[in-house]
C-alpha atoms as a PDB file:
ATOM      1  CA  UNK A   1      32.194-112.850-122.014  1.00  0.00           C
ATOM      2  CA  UNK A   2      31.452-116.220-123.577  1.00  0.00           C
ATOM      3  CA  UNK A   3      30.099-119.073-121.482  1.00  0.00           C
ATOM      4  CA  UNK A   4      30.478-122.645-122.708  1.00  0.00           C
ATOM      5  CA  UNK A   5      28.136-125.212-121.177  1.00  0.00           C
ATOM      6  CA  UNK A   6      28.702-128.877-121.958  1.00  0.00           C
ATOM      7  CA  UNK A   7      26.259-131.684-121.181  1.00  0.00           C
ATOM      8  CA  UNK A   8      25.358-135.222-122.098  1.00  0.00           C
ATOM      9  CA  UNK A   9      28.120-137.209-120.465  1.00  0.00           C
ATOM     10  CA  UNK A  10      27.629-140.188-118.211  1.00  0.00           C
ATOM     11  CA  UNK A  11      28.509-143.796-117.502  1.00  0.00           C
ATOM     12  CA  UNK A  12      28.138-146.155-120.446  1.00  0.00           C
ATOM     13  CA  UNK A  13      29.214-149.711-121.184  1.00  0.00           C
ATOM     14  CA  UNK A  14      31.796-150.466-123.859  1.00  0.00           C
ATOM     15  CA  UNK A  15      30.112-150.417-127.248  1.00  0.00           C
ATOM     16  CA  UNK A  16      27.511-147.932-126.100  1.00  0.00           C
ATOM     17  CA  UNK A  17      26.701-144.434-127.338  1.00  0.00           C
ATOM     18  CA  UNK A  18      26.407-140.919-125.971  1.00  0.00           C
ATOM     19  CA  UNK A  19      25.577-137.571-127.503  1.00  0.00           C
ATOM     20  CA  UNK A  20      27.317-134.551-126.043  1.00  0.00           C
ATOM     21  CA  UNK A  21      26.050-130.999-126.439  1.00  0.00           C
ATOM     22  CA  UNK A  22      27.765-127.671-125.941  1.00  0.00           C
ATOM     23  CA  UNK A  23      25.977-124.353-125.906  1.00  0.00           C
ATOM     24  CA  UNK A  24      28.053-121.224-126.455  1.00  0.00           C
ATOM     25  CA  UNK A  25      26.395-118.265-124.751  1.00  0.00           C
ATOM     26  CA  UNK A  26      27.460-114.825-125.869  1.00  0.00           C
ATOM     27  CA  UNK A  27      29.601-115.725-128.857  1.00  0.00           C
ATOM     28  CA  UNK A  28      29.429-115.034-132.570  1.00  0.00           C
ATOM     29  CA  UNK A  29      29.012-118.772-132.826  1.00  0.00           C
ATOM     30  CA  UNK A  30      28.246-119.112-136.504  1.00  0.00           C
ATOM     31  CA  UNK A  31      31.597-117.529-137.412  1.00  0.00           C
ATOM     32  CA  UNK A  32      33.634-119.760-135.106  1.00  0.00           C
ATOM     33  CA  UNK A  33      35.357-122.973-136.008  1.00  0.00           C
ATOM     34  CA  UNK A  34      34.676-125.191-133.009  1.00  0.00           C
ATOM     35  CA  UNK A  35      36.236-128.267-131.484  1.00  0.00           C
ATOM     36  CA  UNK A  36      35.610-130.966-128.939  1.00  0.00           C
ATOM     37  CA  UNK A  37      38.516-131.718-126.638  1.00  0.00           C
ATOM     38  CA  UNK A  38      39.059-134.406-124.028  1.00  0.00           C
ATOM     39  CA  UNK A  39      41.367-134.855-121.102  1.00  0.00           C
ATOM     40  CA  UNK A  40      41.883-138.161-119.332  1.00  0.00           C
ATOM     41  CA  UNK A  41      43.370-138.271-115.813  1.00  0.00           C
ATOM     42  CA  UNK A  42      47.097-137.595-115.907  1.00  0.00           C
ATOM     43  CA  UNK A  43      47.101-136.860-119.625  1.00  0.00           C
ATOM     44  CA  UNK A  44      47.168-133.737-121.749  1.00  0.00           C
ATOM     45  CA  UNK A  45      44.067-132.288-123.324  1.00  0.00           C
ATOM     46  CA  UNK A  46      43.632-133.513-126.898  1.00  0.00           C
ATOM     47  CA  UNK A  47      41.487-132.284-129.761  1.00  0.00           C
ATOM     48  CA  UNK A  48      39.001-134.995-130.648  1.00  0.00           C
ATOM     49  CA  UNK A  49      37.006-133.377-133.436  1.00  0.00           C
ATOM     50  CA  UNK A  50      36.870-130.117-135.353  1.00  0.00           C
ATOM     51  CA  UNK A  51      34.134-128.408-137.335  1.00  0.00           C
ATOM     52  CA  UNK A  52      34.612-125.286-139.410  1.00  0.00           C
ATOM     53  CA  UNK A  53      32.056-122.499-139.698  1.00  0.00           C
ATOM     54  CA  UNK A  54      31.091-124.055-143.047  1.00  0.00           C
ATOM     55  CA  UNK A  55      30.685-127.533-141.556  1.00  0.00           C
ATOM     56  CA  UNK A  56      33.906-129.200-142.659  1.00  0.00           C
ATOM     57  CA  UNK A  57      34.968-131.801-140.101  1.00  0.00           C
ATOM     58  CA  UNK A  58      38.169-133.478-138.966  1.00  0.00           C
ATOM     59  CA  UNK A  59      38.781-136.140-136.348  1.00  0.00           C
ATOM     60  CA  UNK A  60      41.451-137.641-134.166  1.00  0.00           C
ATOM     61  CA  UNK A  61      42.485-140.891-135.828  1.00  0.00           C
ATOM     62  CA  UNK A  62      41.392-143.013-132.881  1.00  0.00           C
ATOM     63  CA  UNK A  63      37.777-141.795-133.100  1.00  0.00           C
ATOM     64  CA  UNK A  64      37.309-141.736-136.878  1.00  0.00           C
ATOM     65  CA  UNK A  65      34.270-143.725-137.896  1.00  0.00           C
ATOM     66  CA  UNK A  66      32.921-143.718-134.342  1.00  0.00           C
ATOM     67  CA  UNK A  67      32.433-140.034-133.465  1.00  0.00           C
ATOM     68  CA  UNK A  68      30.543-137.363-135.415  1.00  0.00           C
ATOM     69  CA  UNK A  69      30.739-133.644-134.739  1.00  0.00           C
ATOM     70  CA  UNK A  70      27.936-131.358-135.897  1.00  0.00           C
ATOM     71  CA  UNK A  71      26.613-127.898-135.202  1.00  0.00           C
ATOM     72  CA  UNK A  72      23.344-125.984-135.100  1.00  0.00           C
ATOM     73  CA  UNK A  73      24.141-122.300-135.542  1.00  0.00           C
ATOM     74  CA  UNK A  74      20.567-121.266-134.770  1.00  0.00           C
ATOM     75  CA  UNK A  75      20.987-122.798-131.317  1.00  0.00           C
ATOM     76  CA  UNK A  76      24.640-121.798-130.782  1.00  0.00           C
ATOM     77  CA  UNK A  77      25.258-125.485-130.152  1.00  0.00           C
ATOM     78  CA  UNK A  78      27.873-128.005-131.193  1.00  0.00           C
ATOM     79  CA  UNK A  79      27.302-131.739-130.765  1.00  0.00           C
ATOM     80  CA  UNK A  80      29.454-134.835-130.517  1.00  0.00           C
ATOM     81  CA  UNK A  81      27.768-138.145-131.287  1.00  0.00           C
ATOM     82  CA  UNK A  82      29.910-140.928-129.870  1.00  0.00           C
ATOM     83  CA  UNK A  83      29.259-144.529-130.892  1.00  0.00           C
ATOM     84  CA  UNK A  84      31.085-147.795-130.218  1.00  0.00           C
ATOM     85  CA  UNK A  85      32.615-146.287-127.119  1.00  0.00           C
ATOM     86  CA  UNK A  86      35.764-147.808-125.664  1.00  0.00           C
ATOM     87  CA  UNK A  87      37.302-147.614-122.215  1.00  0.00           C
ATOM     88  CA  UNK A  88      40.042-145.390-123.622  1.00  0.00           C
ATOM     89  CA  UNK A  89      37.393-142.784-124.473  1.00  0.00           C
ATOM     90  CA  UNK A  90      36.940-142.152-120.753  1.00  0.00           C
ATOM     91  CA  UNK A  91      37.740-138.486-120.103  1.00  0.00           C
ATOM     92  CA  UNK A  92      36.285-135.082-119.375  1.00  0.00           C
ATOM     93  CA  UNK A  93      35.029-133.617-122.648  1.00  0.00           C
ATOM     94  CA  UNK A  94      35.071-129.895-123.361  1.00  0.00           C
ATOM     95  CA  UNK A  95      34.132-127.778-126.324  1.00  0.00           C
ATOM     96  CA  UNK A  96      35.879-124.590-127.384  1.00  0.00           C
ATOM     97  CA  UNK A  97      37.072-122.783-130.426  1.00  0.00           C
ATOM     98  CA  UNK A  98      39.367-124.529-132.863  1.00  0.00           C
ATOM     99  CA  UNK A  99      42.840-124.183-131.277  1.00  0.00           C
ATOM    100  CA  UNK A 100      44.131-122.753-134.559  1.00  0.00           C
ATOM    101  CA  UNK A 101      41.758-119.809-134.359  1.00  0.00           C
ATOM    102  CA  UNK A 102      43.543-116.479-134.696  1.00  0.00           C
ATOM    103  CA  UNK A 103      41.209-115.156-132.005  1.00  0.00           C
ATOM    104  CA  UNK A 104      42.372-117.708-129.448  1.00  0.00           C
ATOM    105  CA  UNK A 105      40.113-119.888-127.359  1.00  0.00           C
ATOM    106  CA  UNK A 106      37.418-119.003-124.873  1.00  0.00           C
ATOM    107  CA  UNK A 107      37.553-119.632-121.138  1.00  0.00           C
ATOM    108  CA  UNK A 108      36.965-123.316-120.514  1.00  0.00           C
ATOM    109  CA  UNK A 109      33.602-124.522-119.341  1.00  0.00           C
ATOM    110  CA  UNK A 110      33.171-127.245-116.734  1.00  0.00           C
ATOM    111  CA  UNK A 111      33.123-129.997-119.295  1.00  0.00           C
ATOM    112  CA  UNK A 112      31.163-133.221-119.104  1.00  0.00           C
ATOM    113  CA  UNK A 113      32.494-136.510-117.758  1.00  0.00           C
ATOM    114  CA  UNK A 114      32.333-139.568-119.997  1.00  0.00           C
ATOM    115  CA  UNK A 115      33.087-142.881-118.336  1.00  0.00           C
ATOM    116  CA  UNK A 116      33.146-146.077-120.387  1.00  0.00           C
ATOM    117  CA  UNK A 117      33.170-149.107-118.143  1.00  0.00           C
ATOM    118  CA  UNK A 118      31.456-152.433-117.691  1.00  0.00           C
END
């Protein structure tokens, strides 16, 4: 049973920054391609950023140049550094496996709320 625990969200003004963390308890983390997802009220859950087991990254077009995904395999942790935040970044952020994983995704954690507002 894998437990995903996200943290680091909060209320921030437009243009501000946040760093999200996600610890994966009980997984073979280093072998997993991981992703950050977000879901705004009334909208579908979207993949925001991806990182392969080797560290290759990909991003949603709307966050390119502003968000950076990284991982620390020794800590079973994936990070999302978010800079130049915009109101449209407001959402609940979750981490999980890459949706293209042949092993499927884990049970969702609680996520962490990011609110960008003045």
